[in-house]
Amino acid sequence: MTPPSPGLDALLQSLRACTLCKDLPLGPNPIFQIDPRAKILITGQAPGRITHEKDIAFQDPSGVRLRRWMGISESEFYDTGRIAVLPMGMCFPGTGAGGDLPPRPQCAPTWHGRLLAHMPGIALTLVIGKHAMDSRFAGTPKMTLTERVQTRAGCGENLFPMPHPSPRNNRWLKANPWFEAKAVPDLQARIKEILQISA
């Protein structure tokens, strides 16, 4: 018989003390935003160096762009009763030759299921970037990131696949102007509906 899941406070205390990836270059520092009242979940890759140093999710140029895409203010973004942030890897994984390293694979299986069980009101999940899509859409027909974002295949109203808002993706955005012209307004309308934000 599976033991009962601990209460959220105890679970978050365990997460903050997690040393599963104690060999990380800057050490473990799980960064997340969890609240049982949250309506929208952001699942991305992993915190970057700036976010690691500031100890606040998406407190960097990627976050500025993400909030613009979502059509919400900084205060709305950090309202935990509205927005939750649960990356595939909750600690900065370090930097490689082409940018940040991938999230550590042991993080999401260890924590996501238990944390999501405490957020029953999630109405929309933003699936940001390749690593999050590979996990979320495992077992579905393979697609490139562009195909997944453009078609939203297998997503329904509850999942919204998106490219990462990092400045490193400026070339992709320039090559795919339809994303900001068509997909972003759709996303903003859905978010306004869920959060009941007036225009």
N, C-alpha and C. Protein backbone atom coordinates (compact mmCIF):
# COMPACT_ATOMS: atom_id res chain seq x y z
N MET A 1 0.84 -1.20 0.00
CA MET A 1 0.00 0.00 0.00
C MET A 1 0.88 1.24 0.00
N THR A 2 0.55 2.21 -0.90
CA THR A 2 1.33 3.45 -0.99
C THR A 2 1.07 4.32 0.22
N PRO A 3 2.13 4.80 0.89
CA PRO A 3 1.91 5.66 2.05
C PRO A 3 1.28 6.98 1.61
N PRO A 4 0.49 7.61 2.48
CA PRO A 4 -0.15 8.87 2.10
C PRO A 4 0.88 9.95 1.83
N SER A 5 0.54 10.85 0.89
CA SER A 5 1.43 11.98 0.59
C SER A 5 1.45 12.92 1.79
N PRO A 6 2.62 13.44 2.14
CA PRO A 6 2.67 14.37 3.27
C PRO A 6 1.92 15.65 2.93
N GLY A 7 1.61 16.44 3.94
CA GLY A 7 0.99 17.73 3.71
C GLY A 7 1.90 18.61 2.89
N LEU A 8 1.31 19.64 2.27
CA LEU A 8 2.08 20.50 1.38
C LEU A 8 3.23 21.19 2.10
N ASP A 9 2.99 21.69 3.29
CA ASP A 9 4.06 22.39 4.02
C ASP A 9 5.26 21.49 4.23
N ALA A 10 5.02 20.26 4.62
CA ALA A 10 6.12 19.31 4.84
C ALA A 10 6.80 18.97 3.53
N LEU A 11 6.01 18.85 2.47
CA LEU A 11 6.57 18.53 1.17
C LEU A 11 7.47 19.65 0.67
N LEU A 12 7.02 20.90 0.83
CA LEU A 12 7.82 22.04 0.39
C LEU A 12 9.09 22.18 1.23
N GLN A 13 8.99 21.86 2.50
CA GLN A 13 10.18 21.88 3.36
C GLN A 13 11.20 20.85 2.87
N SER A 14 10.72 19.68 2.49
CA SER A 14 11.62 18.66 1.96
C SER A 14 12.24 19.10 0.64
N LEU A 15 11.43 19.73 -0.20
CA LEU A 15 11.94 20.20 -1.49
C LEU A 15 13.02 21.25 -1.31
N ARG A 16 12.78 22.19 -0.42
CA ARG A 16 13.78 23.25 -0.20
C ARG A 16 15.10 22.69 0.32
N ALA A 17 15.01 21.56 1.02
CA ALA A 17 16.22 20.93 1.58
C ALA A 17 16.80 19.86 0.65
N CYS A 18 16.25 19.73 -0.55
CA CYS A 18 16.66 18.65 -1.46
C CYS A 18 18.13 18.77 -1.84
N THR A 19 18.84 17.66 -1.78
CA THR A 19 20.24 17.61 -2.23
C THR A 19 20.42 16.49 -3.24
N LEU A 20 19.35 16.15 -3.94
CA LEU A 20 19.41 15.08 -4.93
C LEU A 20 20.49 15.36 -5.96
N CYS A 21 20.68 16.63 -6.30
CA CYS A 21 21.70 17.02 -7.28
C CYS A 21 22.76 17.88 -6.60
N LYS A 22 23.33 17.35 -5.53
CA LYS A 22 24.27 18.14 -4.73
C LYS A 22 25.57 18.46 -5.46
N ASP A 23 25.80 17.82 -6.61
CA ASP A 23 27.03 18.09 -7.36
C ASP A 23 26.87 19.22 -8.37
N LEU A 24 25.75 19.93 -8.36
CA LEU A 24 25.55 21.03 -9.31
C LEU A 24 26.62 22.10 -9.12
N PRO A 25 27.02 22.78 -10.20
CA PRO A 25 28.12 23.75 -10.11
C PRO A 25 27.94 24.81 -9.03
N LEU A 26 26.71 25.33 -8.89
CA LEU A 26 26.45 26.35 -7.87
C LEU A 26 25.71 25.79 -6.67
N GLY A 27 25.59 24.47 -6.61
CA GLY A 27 24.91 23.82 -5.50
C GLY A 27 23.40 23.83 -5.68
N PRO A 28 22.69 23.02 -4.91
CA PRO A 28 21.23 22.97 -5.01
C PRO A 28 20.58 24.27 -4.53
N ASN A 29 19.58 24.71 -5.26
CA ASN A 29 18.78 25.87 -4.86
C ASN A 29 17.45 25.77 -5.59
N PRO A 30 16.54 24.91 -5.13
CA PRO A 30 15.28 24.72 -5.84
C PRO A 30 14.47 26.02 -5.91
N ILE A 31 14.06 26.37 -7.12
CA ILE A 31 13.29 27.59 -7.34
C ILE A 31 11.96 27.20 -7.97
N PHE A 32 10.89 27.58 -7.32
CA PHE A 32 9.56 27.17 -7.75
C PHE A 32 8.55 28.14 -7.14
N GLN A 33 7.30 28.00 -7.55
CA GLN A 33 6.21 28.81 -7.01
C GLN A 33 4.98 27.91 -6.95
N ILE A 34 4.61 27.48 -5.76
CA ILE A 34 3.56 26.48 -5.57
C ILE A 34 2.49 27.02 -4.62
N ASP A 35 1.23 26.84 -5.00
CA ASP A 35 0.12 27.27 -4.15
C ASP A 35 -1.10 26.45 -4.54
N PRO A 36 -1.82 25.88 -3.59
CA PRO A 36 -3.01 25.08 -3.92
C PRO A 36 -4.09 25.85 -4.67
N ARG A 37 -4.07 27.19 -4.59
CA ARG A 37 -5.09 28.01 -5.25
C ARG A 37 -4.76 28.32 -6.70
N ALA A 38 -3.55 28.01 -7.15
CA ALA A 38 -3.08 28.42 -8.48
C ALA A 38 -3.99 27.90 -9.58
N LYS A 39 -4.15 28.72 -10.62
CA LYS A 39 -4.99 28.37 -11.77
C LYS A 39 -4.17 28.05 -13.02
N ILE A 40 -2.97 28.63 -13.11
CA ILE A 40 -2.12 28.45 -14.28
C ILE A 40 -0.76 27.93 -13.82
N LEU A 41 -0.28 26.90 -14.50
CA LEU A 41 1.01 26.30 -14.17
C LEU A 41 1.99 26.54 -15.31
N ILE A 42 3.17 27.00 -14.96
CA ILE A 42 4.24 27.19 -15.93
C ILE A 42 5.28 26.09 -15.70
N THR A 43 5.45 25.25 -16.71
CA THR A 43 6.45 24.19 -16.65
C THR A 43 7.48 24.43 -17.74
N GLY A 44 8.66 24.84 -17.33
CA GLY A 44 9.72 25.13 -18.28
C GLY A 44 10.89 24.19 -18.09
N GLN A 45 12.07 24.68 -18.40
CA GLN A 45 13.27 23.86 -18.38
C GLN A 45 13.88 23.81 -16.98
N ALA A 46 14.60 24.84 -16.61
CA ALA A 46 15.24 24.93 -15.31
C ALA A 46 15.65 26.38 -15.11
N PRO A 47 15.84 26.80 -13.88
CA PRO A 47 16.27 28.19 -13.66
C PRO A 47 17.62 28.46 -14.32
N GLY A 48 17.79 29.67 -14.82
CA GLY A 48 19.08 30.11 -15.34
C GLY A 48 19.94 30.68 -14.23
N ARG A 49 21.12 31.11 -14.60
CA ARG A 49 22.05 31.63 -13.59
C ARG A 49 21.49 32.87 -12.88
N ILE A 50 20.89 33.79 -13.65
CA ILE A 50 20.35 35.02 -13.04
C ILE A 50 19.25 34.67 -12.04
N THR A 51 18.36 33.77 -12.45
CA THR A 51 17.28 33.35 -11.57
C THR A 51 17.84 32.68 -10.32
N HIS A 52 18.86 31.85 -10.49
CA HIS A 52 19.51 31.19 -9.35
C HIS A 52 20.02 32.24 -8.36
N GLU A 53 20.66 33.28 -8.89
CA GLU A 53 21.25 34.30 -8.01
C GLU A 53 20.18 35.14 -7.32
N LYS A 54 19.08 35.42 -8.03
CA LYS A 54 18.01 36.23 -7.44
C LYS A 54 17.05 35.41 -6.60
N ASP A 55 17.05 34.09 -6.81
CA ASP A 55 16.22 33.17 -6.04
C ASP A 55 14.73 33.42 -6.25
N ILE A 56 14.38 33.90 -7.45
CA ILE A 56 12.98 34.15 -7.79
C ILE A 56 12.76 33.63 -9.21
N ALA A 57 11.72 32.85 -9.42
CA ALA A 57 11.44 32.28 -10.74
C ALA A 57 11.22 33.36 -11.79
N PHE A 58 11.87 33.19 -12.93
CA PHE A 58 11.69 34.07 -14.09
C PHE A 58 11.94 35.55 -13.77
N GLN A 59 12.88 35.81 -12.89
CA GLN A 59 13.26 37.18 -12.60
C GLN A 59 14.48 37.53 -13.46
N ASP A 60 14.25 37.52 -14.80
CA ASP A 60 15.31 37.71 -15.77
C ASP A 60 14.68 38.13 -17.10
N PRO A 61 15.48 38.37 -18.14
CA PRO A 61 14.89 38.78 -19.43
C PRO A 61 13.87 37.79 -19.98
N SER A 62 14.07 36.48 -19.73
CA SER A 62 13.08 35.49 -20.17
C SER A 62 11.74 35.74 -19.49
N GLY A 63 11.77 36.09 -18.22
CA GLY A 63 10.54 36.35 -17.49
C GLY A 63 9.81 37.59 -17.99
N VAL A 64 10.58 38.60 -18.36
CA VAL A 64 9.97 39.82 -18.91
C VAL A 64 9.19 39.49 -20.18
N ARG A 65 9.82 38.72 -21.06
CA ARG A 65 9.14 38.34 -22.31
C ARG A 65 7.96 37.41 -22.03
N LEU A 66 8.13 36.46 -21.11
CA LEU A 66 7.04 35.53 -20.80
C LEU A 66 5.82 36.28 -20.28
N ARG A 67 6.02 37.25 -19.40
CA ARG A 67 4.89 38.02 -18.88
C ARG A 67 4.22 38.83 -19.99
N ARG A 68 5.01 39.31 -20.93
CA ARG A 68 4.43 40.04 -22.07
C ARG A 68 3.60 39.09 -22.91
N TRP A 69 4.12 37.90 -23.19
CA TRP A 69 3.36 36.91 -23.95
C TRP A 69 2.06 36.56 -23.22
N MET A 70 2.12 36.43 -21.90
CA MET A 70 0.94 36.06 -21.13
C MET A 70 -0.06 37.22 -20.99
N GLY A 71 0.43 38.44 -21.19
CA GLY A 71 -0.44 39.60 -21.05
C GLY A 71 -0.77 39.94 -19.61
N ILE A 72 0.16 39.64 -18.69
CA ILE A 72 -0.07 39.94 -17.28
C ILE A 72 1.09 40.76 -16.72
N SER A 73 0.82 41.42 -15.61
CA SER A 73 1.82 42.25 -14.97
C SER A 73 2.74 41.41 -14.10
N GLU A 74 3.81 42.02 -13.64
CA GLU A 74 4.74 41.31 -12.75
C GLU A 74 4.03 40.92 -11.45
N SER A 75 3.21 41.82 -10.92
CA SER A 75 2.52 41.50 -9.67
C SER A 75 1.53 40.36 -9.87
N GLU A 76 0.86 40.32 -11.01
CA GLU A 76 -0.05 39.21 -11.31
C GLU A 76 0.71 37.90 -11.46
N PHE A 77 1.88 37.97 -12.10
CA PHE A 77 2.70 36.78 -12.31
C PHE A 77 3.14 36.17 -10.98
N TYR A 78 3.51 37.02 -10.03
CA TYR A 78 4.01 36.52 -8.75
C TYR A 78 2.90 36.37 -7.70
N ASP A 79 1.66 36.47 -8.11
CA ASP A 79 0.54 36.18 -7.23
C ASP A 79 0.38 34.65 -7.21
N THR A 80 0.81 34.04 -6.13
CA THR A 80 0.83 32.57 -6.08
C THR A 80 -0.56 31.95 -6.13
N GLY A 81 -1.57 32.72 -5.80
CA GLY A 81 -2.93 32.22 -5.90
C GLY A 81 -3.40 32.11 -7.34
N ARG A 82 -2.62 32.67 -8.26
CA ARG A 82 -2.95 32.61 -9.68
C ARG A 82 -1.97 31.75 -10.47
N ILE A 83 -0.68 31.97 -10.26
CA ILE A 83 0.35 31.37 -11.11
C ILE A 83 1.27 30.47 -10.28
N ALA A 84 1.47 29.24 -10.77
CA ALA A 84 2.45 28.33 -10.18
C ALA A 84 3.58 28.11 -11.18
N VAL A 85 4.77 27.88 -10.69
CA VAL A 85 5.94 27.63 -11.54
C VAL A 85 6.61 26.35 -11.05
N LEU A 86 6.70 25.38 -11.94
CA LEU A 86 7.28 24.07 -11.58
C LEU A 86 8.14 23.59 -12.75
N PRO A 87 9.42 23.97 -12.78
CA PRO A 87 10.28 23.58 -13.90
C PRO A 87 10.63 22.10 -13.88
N MET A 88 11.12 21.61 -15.02
CA MET A 88 11.53 20.21 -15.11
C MET A 88 12.70 19.92 -14.17
N GLY A 89 13.57 20.87 -14.05
CA GLY A 89 14.64 20.81 -13.06
C GLY A 89 14.55 22.06 -12.22
N MET A 90 14.50 21.95 -10.91
CA MET A 90 14.25 23.13 -10.08
C MET A 90 15.50 23.87 -9.64
N CYS A 91 16.66 23.36 -10.05
CA CYS A 91 17.92 24.03 -9.73
C CYS A 91 18.68 24.35 -11.01
N PHE A 92 19.49 25.41 -10.96
CA PHE A 92 20.32 25.78 -12.11
C PHE A 92 21.28 24.63 -12.42
N PRO A 93 21.22 24.09 -13.66
CA PRO A 93 22.01 22.90 -13.97
C PRO A 93 23.45 23.17 -14.38
N GLY A 94 23.80 24.44 -14.57
CA GLY A 94 25.13 24.76 -15.06
C GLY A 94 25.10 25.14 -16.52
N THR A 95 26.23 25.58 -17.02
CA THR A 95 26.32 26.08 -18.39
C THR A 95 27.23 25.20 -19.23
N GLY A 96 26.78 24.91 -20.45
CA GLY A 96 27.59 24.15 -21.40
C GLY A 96 28.01 25.03 -22.56
N ALA A 97 28.50 24.42 -23.61
CA ALA A 97 29.01 25.17 -24.75
C ALA A 97 27.92 25.96 -25.47
N GLY A 98 26.69 25.41 -25.51
CA GLY A 98 25.62 26.07 -26.24
C GLY A 98 24.60 26.76 -25.37
N GLY A 99 24.91 26.99 -24.10
CA GLY A 99 23.96 27.60 -23.19
C GLY A 99 23.80 26.77 -21.94
N ASP A 100 22.71 26.96 -21.24
CA ASP A 100 22.48 26.19 -20.01
C ASP A 100 22.35 24.70 -20.32
N LEU A 101 22.84 23.88 -19.42
CA LEU A 101 22.73 22.43 -19.57
C LEU A 101 21.27 22.00 -19.39
N PRO A 102 20.92 20.80 -19.85
CA PRO A 102 19.55 20.32 -19.65
C PRO A 102 19.24 20.13 -18.17
N PRO A 103 17.95 20.17 -17.80
CA PRO A 103 17.59 19.90 -16.41
C PRO A 103 17.99 18.48 -16.02
N ARG A 104 18.34 18.29 -14.76
CA ARG A 104 18.69 16.96 -14.29
C ARG A 104 17.47 16.05 -14.38
N PRO A 105 17.61 14.86 -14.96
CA PRO A 105 16.45 14.01 -15.23
C PRO A 105 15.77 13.45 -13.99
N GLN A 106 16.47 13.41 -12.85
CA GLN A 106 15.87 12.83 -11.66
C GLN A 106 14.92 13.79 -10.93
N CYS A 107 14.95 15.06 -11.28
CA CYS A 107 14.17 16.05 -10.52
C CYS A 107 12.67 15.88 -10.71
N ALA A 108 12.20 15.97 -11.95
CA ALA A 108 10.75 15.93 -12.20
C ALA A 108 10.09 14.64 -11.69
N PRO A 109 10.66 13.45 -11.95
CA PRO A 109 10.01 12.24 -11.43
C PRO A 109 9.95 12.19 -9.90
N THR A 110 10.89 12.83 -9.26
CA THR A 110 10.93 12.82 -7.79
C THR A 110 9.88 13.73 -7.19
N TRP A 111 9.64 14.89 -7.82
CA TRP A 111 8.83 15.92 -7.18
C TRP A 111 7.50 16.25 -7.85
N HIS A 112 7.42 16.21 -9.17
CA HIS A 112 6.25 16.77 -9.86
C HIS A 112 4.92 16.15 -9.43
N GLY A 113 4.84 14.83 -9.44
CA GLY A 113 3.58 14.18 -9.12
C GLY A 113 3.06 14.56 -7.74
N ARG A 114 3.95 14.57 -6.77
CA ARG A 114 3.55 14.89 -5.40
C ARG A 114 3.11 16.35 -5.26
N LEU A 115 3.79 17.25 -5.96
CA LEU A 115 3.44 18.67 -5.89
C LEU A 115 2.14 18.95 -6.63
N LEU A 116 1.98 18.37 -7.80
CA LEU A 116 0.77 18.60 -8.59
C LEU A 116 -0.47 18.09 -7.89
N ALA A 117 -0.33 17.08 -7.06
CA ALA A 117 -1.47 16.55 -6.31
C ALA A 117 -2.06 17.59 -5.37
N HIS A 118 -1.27 18.60 -5.04
CA HIS A 118 -1.73 19.66 -4.13
C HIS A 118 -2.26 20.88 -4.88
N MET A 119 -2.32 20.80 -6.22
CA MET A 119 -2.82 21.94 -7.01
C MET A 119 -3.94 21.48 -7.93
N PRO A 120 -5.09 21.16 -7.39
CA PRO A 120 -6.18 20.59 -8.18
C PRO A 120 -6.87 21.60 -9.10
N GLY A 121 -6.62 22.89 -8.89
CA GLY A 121 -7.34 23.90 -9.66
C GLY A 121 -6.64 24.38 -10.92
N ILE A 122 -5.56 23.71 -11.31
CA ILE A 122 -4.84 24.14 -12.51
C ILE A 122 -5.73 23.97 -13.74
N ALA A 123 -6.00 25.07 -14.43
CA ALA A 123 -6.86 25.05 -15.62
C ALA A 123 -6.06 25.13 -16.91
N LEU A 124 -4.81 25.59 -16.82
CA LEU A 124 -3.97 25.74 -18.01
C LEU A 124 -2.51 25.54 -17.62
N THR A 125 -1.80 24.73 -18.40
CA THR A 125 -0.37 24.53 -18.19
C THR A 125 0.39 25.01 -19.41
N LEU A 126 1.31 25.94 -19.20
CA LEU A 126 2.20 26.39 -20.27
C LEU A 126 3.39 25.45 -20.29
N VAL A 127 3.57 24.75 -21.41
CA VAL A 127 4.66 23.78 -21.55
C VAL A 127 5.73 24.47 -22.38
N ILE A 128 6.79 24.90 -21.70
CA ILE A 128 7.75 25.81 -22.31
C ILE A 128 9.06 25.11 -22.67
N GLY A 129 9.36 25.08 -23.95
CA GLY A 129 10.64 24.57 -24.41
C GLY A 129 10.67 23.06 -24.64
N LYS A 130 11.72 22.63 -25.29
CA LYS A 130 11.85 21.24 -25.73
C LYS A 130 11.86 20.23 -24.60
N HIS A 131 12.58 20.51 -23.53
CA HIS A 131 12.69 19.53 -22.44
C HIS A 131 11.35 19.29 -21.78
N ALA A 132 10.59 20.35 -21.56
CA ALA A 132 9.26 20.19 -20.96
C ALA A 132 8.33 19.46 -21.92
N MET A 133 8.42 19.77 -23.21
CA MET A 133 7.56 19.09 -24.19
C MET A 133 7.91 17.62 -24.30
N ASP A 134 9.20 17.30 -24.29
CA ASP A 134 9.61 15.89 -24.39
C ASP A 134 9.01 15.07 -23.25
N SER A 135 8.92 15.67 -22.07
CA SER A 135 8.36 14.96 -20.93
C SER A 135 6.83 14.93 -20.99
N ARG A 136 6.23 16.07 -21.24
CA ARG A 136 4.77 16.19 -21.19
C ARG A 136 4.10 15.38 -22.30
N PHE A 137 4.75 15.31 -23.47
CA PHE A 137 4.14 14.64 -24.61
C PHE A 137 4.80 13.30 -24.93
N ALA A 138 5.47 12.73 -23.94
CA ALA A 138 6.06 11.40 -24.13
C ALA A 138 4.95 10.41 -24.48
N GLY A 139 5.23 9.56 -25.45
CA GLY A 139 4.24 8.57 -25.85
C GLY A 139 3.30 9.04 -26.94
N THR A 140 3.39 10.29 -27.34
CA THR A 140 2.58 10.81 -28.45
C THR A 140 3.46 10.83 -29.70
N PRO A 141 2.86 10.98 -30.88
CA PRO A 141 3.67 11.05 -32.10
C PRO A 141 4.73 12.15 -32.01
N LYS A 142 5.93 11.82 -32.46
CA LYS A 142 7.04 12.77 -32.36
C LYS A 142 6.80 13.97 -33.25
N MET A 143 7.15 15.13 -32.75
CA MET A 143 7.05 16.38 -33.50
C MET A 143 8.23 17.26 -33.14
N THR A 144 8.58 18.14 -34.04
CA THR A 144 9.56 19.16 -33.69
C THR A 144 8.87 20.17 -32.77
N LEU A 145 9.67 20.98 -32.09
CA LEU A 145 9.09 22.02 -31.25
C LEU A 145 8.19 22.93 -32.07
N THR A 146 8.64 23.30 -33.26
CA THR A 146 7.85 24.20 -34.10
C THR A 146 6.51 23.56 -34.47
N GLU A 147 6.53 22.29 -34.85
CA GLU A 147 5.29 21.60 -35.19
C GLU A 147 4.34 21.54 -34.01
N ARG A 148 4.89 21.25 -32.83
CA ARG A 148 4.04 21.13 -31.64
C ARG A 148 3.41 22.48 -31.28
N VAL A 149 4.22 23.52 -31.32
CA VAL A 149 3.72 24.85 -30.96
C VAL A 149 2.69 25.33 -31.98
N GLN A 150 2.96 25.06 -33.27
CA GLN A 150 2.08 25.57 -34.31
C GLN A 150 0.74 24.82 -34.37
N THR A 151 0.78 23.50 -34.19
CA THR A 151 -0.46 22.72 -34.31
C THR A 151 -1.18 22.54 -32.98
N ARG A 152 -0.40 22.61 -31.88
CA ARG A 152 -0.93 22.33 -30.54
C ARG A 152 -1.58 20.94 -30.50
N ALA A 153 -1.02 20.03 -31.23
CA ALA A 153 -1.56 18.68 -31.33
C ALA A 153 -1.59 18.01 -29.96
N GLY A 154 -2.73 17.43 -29.62
CA GLY A 154 -2.88 16.70 -28.37
C GLY A 154 -2.96 17.57 -27.14
N CYS A 155 -3.21 18.86 -27.32
CA CYS A 155 -3.16 19.78 -26.17
C CYS A 155 -4.52 20.13 -25.59
N GLY A 156 -5.55 20.24 -26.42
CA GLY A 156 -6.84 20.67 -25.92
C GLY A 156 -6.76 22.07 -25.35
N GLU A 157 -7.65 22.37 -24.40
CA GLU A 157 -7.67 23.70 -23.79
C GLU A 157 -6.75 23.80 -22.58
N ASN A 158 -6.26 22.66 -22.11
CA ASN A 158 -5.52 22.67 -20.84
C ASN A 158 -4.01 22.76 -20.98
N LEU A 159 -3.48 22.55 -22.18
CA LEU A 159 -2.04 22.61 -22.40
C LEU A 159 -1.73 23.61 -23.50
N PHE A 160 -0.70 24.41 -23.29
CA PHE A 160 -0.29 25.39 -24.30
C PHE A 160 1.22 25.28 -24.50
N PRO A 161 1.67 24.60 -25.57
CA PRO A 161 3.11 24.48 -25.81
C PRO A 161 3.68 25.78 -26.38
N MET A 162 4.85 26.16 -25.93
CA MET A 162 5.46 27.41 -26.36
C MET A 162 6.98 27.27 -26.44
N PRO A 163 7.60 28.11 -27.26
CA PRO A 163 9.06 28.16 -27.24
C PRO A 163 9.52 28.82 -25.94
N HIS A 164 10.76 28.61 -25.60
CA HIS A 164 11.29 29.28 -24.41
C HIS A 164 11.41 30.77 -24.71
N PRO A 165 11.06 31.64 -23.76
CA PRO A 165 11.13 33.09 -24.01
C PRO A 165 12.54 33.67 -23.93
N SER A 166 13.55 32.84 -23.80
CA SER A 166 14.93 33.32 -23.71
C SER A 166 15.33 34.14 -24.93
N PRO A 167 16.15 35.18 -24.73
CA PRO A 167 16.70 35.91 -25.88
C PRO A 167 17.45 35.01 -26.86
N ARG A 168 17.89 33.84 -26.41
CA ARG A 168 18.55 32.91 -27.32
C ARG A 168 17.61 32.43 -28.43
N ASN A 169 16.31 32.60 -28.22
CA ASN A 169 15.33 32.16 -29.22
C ASN A 169 14.88 33.28 -30.15
N ASN A 170 15.60 34.40 -30.15
CA ASN A 170 15.22 35.51 -31.04
C ASN A 170 15.22 35.08 -32.51
N ARG A 171 16.16 34.23 -32.89
CA ARG A 171 16.21 33.77 -34.28
C ARG A 171 14.97 32.95 -34.62
N TRP A 172 14.55 32.06 -33.70
CA TRP A 172 13.35 31.26 -33.93
C TRP A 172 12.12 32.16 -34.07
N LEU A 173 12.02 33.15 -33.21
CA LEU A 173 10.87 34.05 -33.25
C LEU A 173 10.83 34.85 -34.55
N LYS A 174 12.00 35.24 -35.03
CA LYS A 174 12.06 35.97 -36.30
C LYS A 174 11.64 35.08 -37.46
N ALA A 175 12.01 33.79 -37.38
CA ALA A 175 11.67 32.85 -38.46
C ALA A 175 10.22 32.37 -38.37
N ASN A 176 9.59 32.57 -37.22
CA ASN A 176 8.22 32.10 -37.00
C ASN A 176 7.34 33.23 -36.46
N PRO A 177 7.11 34.26 -37.26
CA PRO A 177 6.34 35.42 -36.78
C PRO A 177 4.90 35.09 -36.41
N TRP A 178 4.38 33.97 -36.91
CA TRP A 178 3.02 33.56 -36.58
C TRP A 178 2.83 33.34 -35.08
N PHE A 179 3.92 33.00 -34.36
CA PHE A 179 3.75 32.72 -32.94
C PHE A 179 3.26 33.96 -32.20
N GLU A 180 3.95 35.08 -32.37
CA GLU A 180 3.53 36.29 -31.67
C GLU A 180 2.30 36.93 -32.31
N ALA A 181 2.08 36.67 -33.60
CA ALA A 181 0.93 37.26 -34.28
C ALA A 181 -0.37 36.52 -33.99
N LYS A 182 -0.29 35.18 -33.83
CA LYS A 182 -1.51 34.38 -33.69
C LYS A 182 -1.59 33.62 -32.37
N ALA A 183 -0.51 32.94 -32.00
CA ALA A 183 -0.56 32.11 -30.80
C ALA A 183 -0.62 32.95 -29.53
N VAL A 184 0.17 34.01 -29.47
CA VAL A 184 0.20 34.84 -28.26
C VAL A 184 -1.15 35.47 -27.95
N PRO A 185 -1.85 36.04 -28.93
CA PRO A 185 -3.20 36.56 -28.61
C PRO A 185 -4.15 35.47 -28.11
N ASP A 186 -4.04 34.27 -28.67
CA ASP A 186 -4.87 33.16 -28.17
C ASP A 186 -4.55 32.86 -26.71
N LEU A 187 -3.26 32.84 -26.40
CA LEU A 187 -2.82 32.58 -25.03
C LEU A 187 -3.34 33.66 -24.09
N GLN A 188 -3.20 34.91 -24.48
CA GLN A 188 -3.63 36.01 -23.62
C GLN A 188 -5.14 35.96 -23.36
N ALA A 189 -5.90 35.62 -24.39
CA ALA A 189 -7.35 35.53 -24.21
C ALA A 189 -7.71 34.42 -23.23
N ARG A 190 -7.03 33.29 -23.34
CA ARG A 190 -7.30 32.16 -22.44
C ARG A 190 -6.93 32.52 -21.00
N ILE A 191 -5.80 33.20 -20.82
CA ILE A 191 -5.36 33.58 -19.48
C ILE A 191 -6.33 34.58 -18.86
N LYS A 192 -6.76 35.55 -19.65
CA LYS A 192 -7.75 36.52 -19.13
C LYS A 192 -9.03 35.82 -18.70
N GLU A 193 -9.44 34.83 -19.47
CA GLU A 193 -10.65 34.08 -19.14
C GLU A 193 -10.48 33.33 -17.81
N ILE A 194 -9.34 32.67 -17.65
CA ILE A 194 -9.11 31.88 -16.44
C ILE A 194 -8.95 32.76 -15.21
N LEU A 195 -8.16 33.82 -15.35
CA LEU A 195 -7.86 34.67 -14.19
C LEU A 195 -8.87 35.79 -14.00
N GLN A 196 -9.80 35.91 -14.95
CA GLN A 196 -10.82 36.94 -14.91
C GLN A 196 -10.21 38.33 -14.78
N ILE A 197 -9.21 38.56 -15.64
CA ILE A 197 -8.54 39.86 -15.70
C ILE A 197 -9.28 40.73 -16.70
N SER A 198 -9.63 41.92 -16.32
CA SER A 198 -10.31 42.82 -17.25
C SER A 198 -9.30 43.42 -18.22
N ALA A 199 -9.75 43.67 -19.46
CA ALA A 199 -8.86 44.21 -20.49
C ALA A 199 -8.47 45.64 -20.17
